[in-house]
Amino acid sequence: MTSTSDPRDLRAELGSLTTEAFRPDLAGIDRLPTLDIARLMNGEDATVAGAVAARLPQIAAAIDALAERMARGGRLVYAGAGTAGRLGVLDASECPPTFNTDPSRVVGLIAGGPQAVVTSVEGAEDSRELARADLEPLGLTPDDTVVGISASGRTPYAIGAVEYARSRGSLTIGLACNADSPLAAAAEHGVEIVVGPELLTGSTRLKAGTAQKLVLNMLSTITMIRLGKTYGNLMVDVRASNDKLRARSHRIVALATGAGDEEIERALAATDGEVKNAILTILADVDGPTAARLLEESDGHLRAALAAAG
């Protein structure tokens, strides 16, 4: 869908969207005490999890398809404009420190480029061609997955990203917050989380943004679980890049092995601070190089490496 040239058509289109609907019952919200407004907002937010729950089968199917491709070396690429784009950039940026992924494996693209994360870039979301231009340098393959994100489900940038990705044979997921959206229709996996009208009319950084954040959390986190980036519910691929994460690494090894502080420090030193490797040296009673080899042969899955160690 291209941007509508006649403002009257665009106004009519926006008026038909659930996310843009006006709530007459909230017309006097600015006259309410702060606590009452906070209660109203909290009550609205409480409905978001239920809206996500209604789409869990579609979300799970998308994750299975995504994880299968990433296991073959594919990438996860988010593409969106405004709040939707910022949420994609946020999720992508958190994968390296949380799961020790290469920054090129999970990528966040926002209409208007990096400056659009902090400053509005007018008109960028209206261009399908801009999405293509942003994606072309990545050299998409059939093992890659592109997730178009748009609260309205009609943003040309997000739709253009999905359409171009499909032309390259990549897996596509369309995440929107309106039913029967062009974005979901354009993608192989359409995920529509219908959260209803916002507390402030059209402010889709609220419930729609929360819904998108919840789904993106699922896409990345569950995919990483499937890729062996966790051991149980422990983040065994965490990158210890600061004091807090080094302390967390020590604690994760302790929780996984029950070993004492000195043994844990020896294991981490022998494996260059790699948590997964350190756990394997302790539980399988092997040295650092052997742990590295076993994990490589097991595609990074700690449980499989432990089984192989006997």
C-alpha atoms as a PDB file:
ATOM      1  CA  MET A   1       0.000   0.000   0.000  1.00  0.00           C
ATOM      2  CA  THR A   2       1.420   3.379  -0.945  1.00  0.00           C
ATOM      3  CA  SER A   3       0.735   6.551   0.977  1.00  0.00           C
ATOM      4  CA  THR A   4      -2.647   8.121   0.230  1.00  0.00           C
ATOM      5  CA  SER A   5      -2.361  11.380  -1.737  1.00  0.00           C
ATOM      6  CA  ASP A   6      -5.787  12.773  -0.802  1.00  0.00           C
ATOM      7  CA  PRO A   7      -5.849  13.833   2.903  1.00  0.00           C
ATOM      8  CA  ARG A   8      -9.570  13.032   3.052  1.00  0.00           C
ATOM      9  CA  ASP A   9      -8.880   9.440   2.073  1.00  0.00           C
ATOM     10  CA  LEU A  10      -6.145   9.171   4.678  1.00  0.00           C
ATOM     11  CA  ARG A  11      -8.407  10.604   7.385  1.00  0.00           C
ATOM     12  CA  ALA A  12     -11.107   8.098   6.473  1.00  0.00           C
ATOM     13  CA  GLU A  13      -8.592   5.256   6.510  1.00  0.00           C
ATOM     14  CA  LEU A  14      -7.244   6.202   9.928  1.00  0.00           C
ATOM     15  CA  GLY A  15     -10.776   6.563  11.246  1.00  0.00           C
ATOM     16  CA  SER A  16     -11.474   2.945  10.371  1.00  0.00           C
ATOM     17  CA  LEU A  17      -8.556   1.610  12.450  1.00  0.00           C
ATOM     18  CA  THR A  18      -9.167   0.233  15.932  1.00  0.00           C
ATOM     19  CA  THR A  19      -5.912   1.735  17.170  1.00  0.00           C
ATOM     20  CA  GLU A  20      -7.120   5.204  16.096  1.00  0.00           C
ATOM     21  CA  ALA A  21     -10.639   4.984  17.567  1.00  0.00           C
ATOM     22  CA  PHE A  22     -11.874   7.761  19.870  1.00  0.00           C
ATOM     23  CA  ARG A  23     -13.013   6.846  23.384  1.00  0.00           C
ATOM     24  CA  PRO A  24     -15.838   9.223  24.440  1.00  0.00           C
ATOM     25  CA  ASP A  25     -15.755   7.712  27.942  1.00  0.00           C
ATOM     26  CA  LEU A  26     -12.233   9.127  28.380  1.00  0.00           C
ATOM     27  CA  ALA A  27     -12.985  12.614  27.026  1.00  0.00           C
ATOM     28  CA  GLY A  28     -12.717  14.113  30.529  1.00  0.00           C
ATOM     29  CA  ILE A  29      -9.508  12.341  31.519  1.00  0.00           C
ATOM     30  CA  ASP A  30      -7.564  15.605  31.813  1.00  0.00           C
ATOM     31  CA  ARG A  31      -9.877  16.679  34.657  1.00  0.00           C
ATOM     32  CA  LEU A  32      -9.257  13.584  36.771  1.00  0.00           C
ATOM     33  CA  PRO A  33      -6.876  13.298  39.735  1.00  0.00           C
ATOM     34  CA  THR A  34      -3.482  11.822  38.834  1.00  0.00           C
ATOM     35  CA  LEU A  35      -4.140   8.607  40.756  1.00  0.00           C
ATOM     36  CA  ASP A  36      -7.364   8.021  38.834  1.00  0.00           C
ATOM     37  CA  ILE A  37      -5.580   8.524  35.510  1.00  0.00           C
ATOM     38  CA  ALA A  38      -2.865   6.104  36.618  1.00  0.00           C
ATOM     39  CA  ARG A  39      -5.510   3.518  37.534  1.00  0.00           C
ATOM     40  CA  LEU A  40      -7.200   3.937  34.155  1.00  0.00           C
ATOM     41  CA  MET A  41      -3.910   3.553  32.337  1.00  0.00           C
ATOM     42  CA  ASN A  42      -2.917   0.522  34.382  1.00  0.00           C
ATOM     43  CA  GLY A  43      -6.299  -1.064  33.704  1.00  0.00           C
ATOM     44  CA  GLU A  44      -5.854  -0.540  29.961  1.00  0.00           C
ATOM     45  CA  ASP A  45      -2.352  -2.046  30.077  1.00  0.00           C
ATOM     46  CA  ALA A  46      -3.670  -5.098  31.921  1.00  0.00           C
ATOM     47  CA  THR A  47      -5.668  -6.073  28.830  1.00  0.00           C
ATOM     48  CA  VAL A  48      -2.608  -6.346  26.586  1.00  0.00           C
ATOM     49  CA  ALA A  49      -1.397  -9.735  27.812  1.00  0.00           C
ATOM     50  CA  GLY A  50      -4.788 -11.240  27.034  1.00  0.00           C
ATOM     51  CA  ALA A  51      -4.693  -9.864  23.501  1.00  0.00           C
ATOM     52  CA  VAL A  52      -1.258 -11.455  23.021  1.00  0.00           C
ATOM     53  CA  ALA A  53      -2.479 -14.747  24.513  1.00  0.00           C
ATOM     54  CA  ALA A  54      -5.197 -14.917  21.856  1.00  0.00           C
ATOM     55  CA  ARG A  55      -2.493 -15.061  19.162  1.00  0.00           C
ATOM     56  CA  LEU A  56      -0.049 -17.489  20.773  1.00  0.00           C
ATOM     57  CA  PRO A  57      -0.546 -20.242  18.148  1.00  0.00           C
ATOM     58  CA  GLN A  58       0.377 -17.817  15.360  1.00  0.00           C
ATOM     59  CA  ILE A  59       3.333 -16.497  17.354  1.00  0.00           C
ATOM     60  CA  ALA A  60       4.616 -20.018  18.077  1.00  0.00           C
ATOM     61  CA  ALA A  61       4.360 -21.016  14.407  1.00  0.00           C
ATOM     62  CA  ALA A  62       6.343 -17.932  13.420  1.00  0.00           C
ATOM     63  CA  ILE A  63       9.007 -18.678  16.034  1.00  0.00           C
ATOM     64  CA  ASP A  64       9.427 -22.284  14.883  1.00  0.00           C
ATOM     65  CA  ALA A  65       9.934 -21.149  11.297  1.00  0.00           C
ATOM     66  CA  LEU A  66      12.324 -18.397  12.409  1.00  0.00           C
ATOM     67  CA  ALA A  67      14.406 -20.666  14.677  1.00  0.00           C
ATOM     68  CA  GLU A  68      14.747 -23.282  11.936  1.00  0.00           C
ATOM     69  CA  ARG A  69      16.281 -20.687   9.630  1.00  0.00           C
ATOM     70  CA  MET A  70      18.527 -19.135  12.265  1.00  0.00           C
ATOM     71  CA  ALA A  71      19.853 -22.606  13.101  1.00  0.00           C
ATOM     72  CA  ARG A  72      21.069 -22.738   9.497  1.00  0.00           C
ATOM     73  CA  GLY A  73      22.916 -19.447   9.933  1.00  0.00           C
ATOM     74  CA  GLY A  74      20.139 -17.055   8.980  1.00  0.00           C
ATOM     75  CA  ARG A  75      19.507 -13.622  10.417  1.00  0.00           C
ATOM     76  CA  LEU A  76      16.565 -11.952  12.127  1.00  0.00           C
ATOM     77  CA  VAL A  77      15.795  -8.474  10.775  1.00  0.00           C
ATOM     78  CA  TYR A  78      13.223  -6.110  12.264  1.00  0.00           C
ATOM     79  CA  ALA A  79      11.859  -3.263  10.130  1.00  0.00           C
ATOM     80  CA  GLY A  80       9.476  -0.540  11.255  1.00  0.00           C
ATOM     81  CA  ALA A  81       8.883   3.182  11.588  1.00  0.00           C
ATOM     82  CA  GLY A  82       8.493   5.369  14.661  1.00  0.00           C
ATOM     83  CA  THR A  83       7.766   3.504  17.893  1.00  0.00           C
ATOM     84  CA  ALA A  84       7.543   0.173  16.064  1.00  0.00           C
ATOM     85  CA  GLY A  85      10.979   0.700  14.528  1.00  0.00           C
ATOM     86  CA  ARG A  86      12.475   1.774  17.857  1.00  0.00           C
ATOM     87  CA  LEU A  87      11.154  -1.368  19.535  1.00  0.00           C
ATOM     88  CA  GLY A  88      12.777  -3.493  16.853  1.00  0.00           C
ATOM     89  CA  VAL A  89      16.097  -1.679  17.278  1.00  0.00           C
ATOM     90  CA  LEU A  90      15.820  -2.147  21.062  1.00  0.00           C
ATOM     91  CA  ASP A  91      15.195  -5.875  20.817  1.00  0.00           C
ATOM     92  CA  ALA A  92      18.032  -6.348  18.329  1.00  0.00           C
ATOM     93  CA  SER A  93      20.486  -4.349  20.435  1.00  0.00           C
ATOM     94  CA  GLU A  94      19.782  -6.460  23.512  1.00  0.00           C
ATOM     95  CA  CYS A  95      20.594  -9.800  21.872  1.00  0.00           C
ATOM     96  CA  PRO A  96      24.423  -9.524  21.862  1.00  0.00           C
ATOM     97  CA  PRO A  97      24.821  -8.879  25.628  1.00  0.00           C
ATOM     98  CA  THR A  98      22.033 -11.298  26.581  1.00  0.00           C
ATOM     99  CA  PHE A  99      22.766 -14.193  24.238  1.00  0.00           C
ATOM    100  CA  ASN A 100      26.300 -13.437  22.995  1.00  0.00           C
ATOM    101  CA  THR A 101      25.063 -13.205  19.406  1.00  0.00           C
ATOM    102  CA  ASP A 102      27.067 -11.468  16.717  1.00  0.00           C
ATOM    103  CA  PRO A 103      25.481  -8.016  16.133  1.00  0.00           C
ATOM    104  CA  SER A 104      24.902  -8.984  12.503  1.00  0.00           C
ATOM    105  CA  ARG A 105      22.627 -11.904  13.455  1.00  0.00           C
ATOM    106  CA  VAL A 106      19.758  -9.775  14.814  1.00  0.00           C
ATOM    107  CA  VAL A 107      19.337  -6.421  13.072  1.00  0.00           C
ATOM    108  CA  GLY A 108      16.940  -3.555  13.719  1.00  0.00           C
ATOM    109  CA  LEU A 109      16.064  -1.199  10.849  1.00  0.00           C
ATOM    110  CA  ILE A 110      14.057   1.969  11.403  1.00  0.00           C
ATOM    111  CA  ALA A 111      12.660   4.224   8.695  1.00  0.00           C
ATOM    112  CA  GLY A 112      14.895   7.276   8.472  1.00  0.00           C
ATOM    113  CA  GLY A 113      18.023   5.529   9.754  1.00  0.00           C
ATOM    114  CA  PRO A 114      19.702   5.506  13.183  1.00  0.00           C
ATOM    115  CA  GLN A 115      18.894   9.176  13.854  1.00  0.00           C
ATOM    116  CA  ALA A 116      15.200   8.268  13.768  1.00  0.00           C
ATOM    117  CA  VAL A 117      15.649   6.360  17.028  1.00  0.00           C
ATOM    118  CA  VAL A 118      15.836   9.658  18.920  1.00  0.00           C
ATOM    119  CA  THR A 119      14.479  12.197  16.388  1.00  0.00           C
ATOM    120  CA  SER A 120      11.391  12.001  14.208  1.00  0.00           C
ATOM    121  CA  VAL A 121      12.270  11.741  10.508  1.00  0.00           C
ATOM    122  CA  GLU A 122       9.214  13.069   8.711  1.00  0.00           C
ATOM    123  CA  GLY A 123       7.932  11.116   5.730  1.00  0.00           C
ATOM    124  CA  ALA A 124      10.341   8.181   6.105  1.00  0.00           C
ATOM    125  CA  GLU A 125       7.558   5.751   7.006  1.00  0.00           C
ATOM    126  CA  ASP A 126       5.678   6.541   3.786  1.00  0.00           C
ATOM    127  CA  SER A 127       8.283   4.962   1.511  1.00  0.00           C
ATOM    128  CA  ARG A 128       8.301   1.336   0.374  1.00  0.00           C
ATOM    129  CA  GLU A 129      11.410   2.159  -1.662  1.00  0.00           C
ATOM    130  CA  LEU A 130      13.285   3.272   1.454  1.00  0.00           C
ATOM    131  CA  ALA A 131      12.690  -0.152   3.020  1.00  0.00           C
ATOM    132  CA  ARG A 132      14.109  -1.847  -0.057  1.00  0.00           C
ATOM    133  CA  ALA A 133      17.141   0.461   0.008  1.00  0.00           C
ATOM    134  CA  ASP A 134      17.751  -0.372   3.675  1.00  0.00           C
ATOM    135  CA  LEU A 135      17.448  -4.126   3.103  1.00  0.00           C
ATOM    136  CA  GLU A 136      19.393  -4.481  -0.147  1.00  0.00           C
ATOM    137  CA  PRO A 137      22.857  -4.083   1.479  1.00  0.00           C
ATOM    138  CA  LEU A 138      22.084  -7.051   3.752  1.00  0.00           C
ATOM    139  CA  GLY A 139      21.942  -9.459   0.813  1.00  0.00           C
ATOM    140  CA  LEU A 140      18.912 -11.348   2.105  1.00  0.00           C
ATOM    141  CA  THR A 141      18.775 -15.129   1.628  1.00  0.00           C
ATOM    142  CA  PRO A 142      16.081 -17.804   2.161  1.00  0.00           C
ATOM    143  CA  ASP A 143      17.588 -18.479   5.609  1.00  0.00           C
ATOM    144  CA  ASP A 144      16.882 -14.921   6.777  1.00  0.00           C
ATOM    145  CA  THR A 145      13.700 -13.682   8.436  1.00  0.00           C
ATOM    146  CA  VAL A 146      12.305 -10.157   8.143  1.00  0.00           C
ATOM    147  CA  VAL A 147       9.721  -8.950  10.654  1.00  0.00           C
ATOM    148  CA  GLY A 148       7.687  -5.927   9.569  1.00  0.00           C
ATOM    149  CA  ILE A 149       6.314  -4.047  12.596  1.00  0.00           C
ATOM    150  CA  SER A 150       3.476  -1.518  12.417  1.00  0.00           C
ATOM    151  CA  ALA A 151       0.729  -0.712  14.905  1.00  0.00           C
ATOM    152  CA  SER A 152      -1.656   0.358  12.159  1.00  0.00           C
ATOM    153  CA  GLY A 153      -0.608  -2.505   9.891  1.00  0.00           C
ATOM    154  CA  ARG A 154      -0.611  -0.086   6.942  1.00  0.00           C
ATOM    155  CA  THR A 155       2.822   1.610   7.216  1.00  0.00           C
ATOM    156  CA  PRO A 156       4.382   1.536   3.716  1.00  0.00           C
ATOM    157  CA  TYR A 157       7.932   1.115   5.094  1.00  0.00           C
ATOM    158  CA  ALA A 158       7.022  -2.059   7.025  1.00  0.00           C
ATOM    159  CA  ILE A 159       4.948  -3.461   4.148  1.00  0.00           C
ATOM    160  CA  GLY A 160       7.708  -2.653   1.666  1.00  0.00           C
ATOM    161  CA  ALA A 161      10.240  -4.469   3.846  1.00  0.00           C
ATOM    162  CA  VAL A 162       8.089  -7.606   3.910  1.00  0.00           C
ATOM    163  CA  GLU A 163       7.383  -7.475   0.187  1.00  0.00           C
ATOM    164  CA  TYR A 164      11.052  -7.082  -0.708  1.00  0.00           C
ATOM    165  CA  ALA A 165      12.068  -9.867   1.699  1.00  0.00           C
ATOM    166  CA  ARG A 166       9.553 -12.247   0.107  1.00  0.00           C
ATOM    167  CA  SER A 167      10.967 -11.422  -3.308  1.00  0.00           C
ATOM    168  CA  ARG A 168      14.334 -12.610  -2.013  1.00  0.00           C
ATOM    169  CA  GLY A 169      12.869 -15.839  -0.655  1.00  0.00           C
ATOM    170  CA  SER A 170      13.250 -14.839   3.008  1.00  0.00           C
ATOM    171  CA  LEU A 171      10.745 -15.781   5.693  1.00  0.00           C
ATOM    172  CA  THR A 172       8.426 -12.885   6.563  1.00  0.00           C
ATOM    173  CA  ILE A 173       6.434 -12.025   9.687  1.00  0.00           C
ATOM    174  CA  GLY A 174       3.994  -9.120   9.859  1.00  0.00           C
ATOM    175  CA  LEU A 175       3.272  -7.771  13.361  1.00  0.00           C
ATOM    176  CA  ALA A 176       0.318  -5.364  13.563  1.00  0.00           C
ATOM    177  CA  CYS A 177      -2.318  -4.212  16.052  1.00  0.00           C
ATOM    178  CA  ASN A 178      -5.337  -4.026  13.743  1.00  0.00           C
ATOM    179  CA  ALA A 179      -7.319  -6.885  12.241  1.00  0.00           C
ATOM    180  CA  ASP A 180      -7.221  -7.587   8.497  1.00  0.00           C
ATOM    181  CA  SER A 181      -4.124  -5.445   8.040  1.00  0.00           C
ATOM    182  CA  PRO A 182      -2.222  -5.123   4.744  1.00  0.00           C
ATOM    183  CA  LEU A 183       1.000  -5.922   6.621  1.00  0.00           C
ATOM    184  CA  ALA A 184      -0.219  -9.259   7.943  1.00  0.00           C
ATOM    185  CA  ALA A 185      -1.654 -10.087   4.523  1.00  0.00           C
ATOM    186  CA  ALA A 186       1.708  -9.384   2.872  1.00  0.00           C
ATOM    187  CA  ALA A 187       3.647 -11.684   5.230  1.00  0.00           C
ATOM    188  CA  GLU A 188       3.777 -15.465   5.399  1.00  0.00           C
ATOM    189  CA  HIS A 189       3.109 -15.263   9.131  1.00  0.00           C
ATOM    190  CA  GLY A 190       0.656 -12.526  10.066  1.00  0.00           C
ATOM    191  CA  VAL A 191       0.417 -11.742  13.786  1.00  0.00           C
ATOM    192  CA  GLU A 192      -2.304  -9.237  14.654  1.00  0.00           C
ATOM    193  CA  ILE A 193      -2.545  -8.245  18.319  1.00  0.00           C
ATOM    194  CA  VAL A 194      -5.755  -6.222  18.539  1.00  0.00           C
ATOM    195  CA  VAL A 195      -5.477  -4.198  21.747  1.00  0.00           C
ATOM    196  CA  GLY A 196      -8.294  -1.749  21.002  1.00  0.00           C
ATOM    197  CA  PRO A 197      -8.377   2.063  21.201  1.00  0.00           C
ATOM    198  CA  GLU A 198      -5.639   3.824  23.147  1.00  0.00           C
ATOM    199  CA  LEU A 199      -6.018   5.864  26.331  1.00  0.00           C
ATOM    200  CA  LEU A 200      -4.896   8.868  24.268  1.00  0.00           C
ATOM    201  CA  THR A 201      -6.492   8.645  20.844  1.00  0.00           C
ATOM    202  CA  GLY A 202      -4.003   7.341  18.297  1.00  0.00           C
ATOM    203  CA  SER A 203      -1.031   7.212  20.701  1.00  0.00           C
ATOM    204  CA  THR A 204       0.109   3.758  19.645  1.00  0.00           C
ATOM    205  CA  ARG A 205       3.261   3.897  21.768  1.00  0.00           C
ATOM    206  CA  LEU A 206       0.918   2.867  24.603  1.00  0.00           C
ATOM    207  CA  LYS A 207      -0.999  -0.447  24.426  1.00  0.00           C
ATOM    208  CA  ALA A 208       0.055  -1.205  20.857  1.00  0.00           C
ATOM    209  CA  GLY A 209       3.693  -0.530  21.735  1.00  0.00           C
ATOM    210  CA  THR A 210       3.451  -2.747  24.806  1.00  0.00           C
ATOM    211  CA  ALA A 211       1.920  -5.547  22.739  1.00  0.00           C
ATOM    212  CA  GLN A 212       4.662  -5.261  20.133  1.00  0.00           C
ATOM    213  CA  LYS A 213       7.353  -5.360  22.849  1.00  0.00           C
ATOM    214  CA  LEU A 214       5.822  -8.518  24.331  1.00  0.00           C
ATOM    215  CA  VAL A 215       5.761 -10.268  20.965  1.00  0.00           C
ATOM    216  CA  LEU A 216       9.303  -9.197  20.060  1.00  0.00           C
ATOM    217  CA  ASN A 217      10.447 -10.520  23.443  1.00  0.00           C
ATOM    218  CA  MET A 218       8.937 -13.862  22.495  1.00  0.00           C
ATOM    219  CA  LEU A 219      10.386 -13.930  18.980  1.00  0.00           C
ATOM    220  CA  SER A 220      13.958 -13.326  20.111  1.00  0.00           C
ATOM    221  CA  THR A 221      13.945 -15.088  23.483  1.00  0.00           C
ATOM    222  CA  ILE A 222      12.213 -18.312  22.460  1.00  0.00           C
ATOM    223  CA  THR A 223      14.277 -18.479  19.276  1.00  0.00           C
ATOM    224  CA  MET A 224      17.444 -18.216  21.364  1.00  0.00           C
ATOM    225  CA  ILE A 225      16.163 -20.962  23.665  1.00  0.00           C
ATOM    226  CA  ARG A 226      15.636 -23.151  20.586  1.00  0.00           C
ATOM    227  CA  LEU A 227      19.193 -22.329  19.428  1.00  0.00           C
ATOM    228  CA  GLY A 228      20.681 -23.580  22.700  1.00  0.00           C
ATOM    229  CA  LYS A 229      21.474 -20.158  24.111  1.00  0.00           C
ATOM    230  CA  THR A 230      20.048 -21.166  27.482  1.00  0.00           C
ATOM    231  CA  TYR A 231      20.408 -24.080  29.896  1.00  0.00           C
ATOM    232  CA  GLY A 232      17.042 -24.440  31.539  1.00  0.00           C
ATOM    233  CA  ASN A 233      16.123 -20.848  32.319  1.00  0.00           C
ATOM    234  CA  LEU A 234      19.733 -19.723  32.721  1.00  0.00           C
ATOM    235  CA  MET A 235      21.344 -17.342  30.198  1.00  0.00           C
ATOM    236  CA  VAL A 236      24.457 -19.433  29.644  1.00  0.00           C
ATOM    237  CA  ASP A 237      25.569 -17.430  26.591  1.00  0.00           C
ATOM    238  CA  VAL A 238      25.582 -14.102  28.434  1.00  0.00           C
ATOM    239  CA  ARG A 239      28.510 -11.865  27.466  1.00  0.00           C
ATOM    240  CA  ALA A 240      30.382 -10.667  30.558  1.00  0.00           C
ATOM    241  CA  SER A 241      31.223  -7.173  29.314  1.00  0.00           C
ATOM    242  CA  ASN A 242      30.958  -5.290  32.621  1.00  0.00           C
ATOM    243  CA  ASP A 243      31.165  -5.885  36.379  1.00  0.00           C
ATOM    244  CA  LYS A 244      27.454  -6.639  36.717  1.00  0.00           C
ATOM    245  CA  LEU A 245      27.534  -9.221  33.949  1.00  0.00           C
ATOM    246  CA  ARG A 246      30.719 -10.777  35.321  1.00  0.00           C
ATOM    247  CA  ALA A 247      28.969 -11.197  38.661  1.00  0.00           C
ATOM    248  CA  ARG A 248      25.943 -12.629  36.854  1.00  0.00           C
ATOM    249  CA  SER A 249      28.171 -15.071  34.956  1.00  0.00           C
ATOM    250  CA  HIS A 250      29.607 -16.356  38.232  1.00  0.00           C
ATOM    251  CA  ARG A 251      26.113 -16.753  39.686  1.00  0.00           C
ATOM    252  CA  ILE A 252      24.833 -18.594  36.595  1.00  0.00           C
ATOM    253  CA  VAL A 253      27.672 -21.109  36.810  1.00  0.00           C
ATOM    254  CA  ALA A 254      26.926 -21.560  40.521  1.00  0.00           C
ATOM    255  CA  LEU A 255      23.222 -22.146  39.871  1.00  0.00           C
ATOM    256  CA  ALA A 256      23.947 -24.644  37.086  1.00  0.00           C
ATOM    257  CA  THR A 257      26.632 -26.619  38.893  1.00  0.00           C
ATOM    258  CA  GLY A 258      26.383 -26.027  42.638  1.00  0.00           C
ATOM    259  CA  ALA A 259      30.169 -25.547  42.668  1.00  0.00           C
ATOM    260  CA  GLY A 260      32.010 -23.319  45.142  1.00  0.00           C
ATOM    261  CA  ASP A 261      33.442 -19.899  44.353  1.00  0.00           C
ATOM    262  CA  GLU A 262      37.038 -21.018  43.845  1.00  0.00           C
ATOM    263  CA  GLU A 263      36.096 -23.834  41.463  1.00  0.00           C
ATOM    264  CA  ILE A 264      33.864 -21.486  39.501  1.00  0.00           C
ATOM    265  CA  GLU A 265      36.594 -18.863  39.168  1.00  0.00           C
ATOM    266  CA  ARG A 266      39.045 -21.533  37.951  1.00  0.00           C
ATOM    267  CA  ALA A 267      36.522 -22.759  35.401  1.00  0.00           C
ATOM    268  CA  LEU A 268      35.785 -19.265  34.106  1.00  0.00           C
ATOM    269  CA  ALA A 269      39.506 -18.493  33.874  1.00  0.00           C
ATOM    270  CA  ALA A 270      40.107 -21.725  31.947  1.00  0.00           C
ATOM    271  CA  THR A 271      37.378 -20.875  29.425  1.00  0.00           C
ATOM    272  CA  ASP A 272      38.067 -17.144  28.937  1.00  0.00           C
ATOM    273  CA  GLY A 273      34.929 -16.266  30.856  1.00  0.00           C
ATOM    274  CA  GLU A 274      32.576 -18.307  28.651  1.00  0.00           C
ATOM    275  CA  VAL A 275      29.761 -19.360  30.980  1.00  0.00           C
ATOM    276  CA  LYS A 276      28.551 -22.326  28.938  1.00  0.00           C
ATOM    277  CA  ASN A 277      32.070 -23.720  28.615  1.00  0.00           C
ATOM    278  CA  ALA A 278      32.757 -23.203  32.310  1.00  0.00           C
ATOM    279  CA  ILE A 279      29.622 -25.135  33.257  1.00  0.00           C
ATOM    280  CA  LEU A 280      30.653 -27.986  30.979  1.00  0.00           C
ATOM    281  CA  THR A 281      34.159 -28.200  32.458  1.00  0.00           C
ATOM    282  CA  ILE A 282      32.649 -28.594  35.916  1.00  0.00           C
ATOM    283  CA  LEU A 283      29.714 -30.911  35.187  1.00  0.00           C
ATOM    284  CA  ALA A 284      31.581 -33.124  32.700  1.00  0.00           C
ATOM    285  CA  ASP A 285      34.977 -32.854  34.438  1.00  0.00           C
ATOM    286  CA  VAL A 286      36.779 -31.868  31.236  1.00  0.00           C
ATOM    287  CA  ASP A 287      39.332 -29.163  30.436  1.00  0.00           C
ATOM    288  CA  GLY A 288      38.623 -25.930  28.585  1.00  0.00           C
ATOM    289  CA  PRO A 289      39.646 -27.048  25.075  1.00  0.00           C
ATOM    290  CA  THR A 290      37.619 -30.259  25.405  1.00  0.00           C
ATOM    291  CA  ALA A 291      34.580 -28.252  26.507  1.00  0.00           C
ATOM    292  CA  ALA A 292      34.975 -25.960  23.499  1.00  0.00           C
ATOM    293  CA  ARG A 293      35.210 -28.937  21.140  1.00  0.00           C
ATOM    294  CA  LEU A 294      32.178 -30.680  22.612  1.00  0.00           C
ATOM    295  CA  LEU A 295      30.090 -27.522  22.328  1.00  0.00           C
ATOM    296  CA  GLU A 296      31.177 -26.954  18.750  1.00  0.00           C
ATOM    297  CA  GLU A 297      30.217 -30.516  17.844  1.00  0.00           C
ATOM    298  CA  SER A 298      26.855 -29.999  19.557  1.00  0.00           C
ATOM    299  CA  ASP A 299      26.096 -26.726  17.739  1.00  0.00           C
ATOM    300  CA  GLY A 300      26.345 -24.853  21.018  1.00  0.00           C
ATOM    301  CA  HIS A 301      23.678 -26.889  22.860  1.00  0.00           C
ATOM    302  CA  LEU A 302      24.940 -27.503  26.393  1.00  0.00           C
ATOM    303  CA  ARG A 303      22.621 -30.443  27.119  1.00  0.00           C
ATOM    304  CA  ALA A 304      23.783 -32.225  23.977  1.00  0.00           C
ATOM    305  CA  ALA A 305      27.427 -31.541  24.867  1.00  0.00           C
ATOM    306  CA  LEU A 306      26.906 -32.961  28.347  1.00  0.00           C
ATOM    307  CA  ALA A 307      25.317 -36.076  26.856  1.00  0.00           C
ATOM    308  CA  ALA A 308      28.242 -36.471  24.441  1.00  0.00           C
ATOM    309  CA  ALA A 309      30.730 -36.147  27.301  1.00  0.00           C
ATOM    310  CA  GLY A 310      29.113 -39.186  28.913  1.00  0.00           C
END
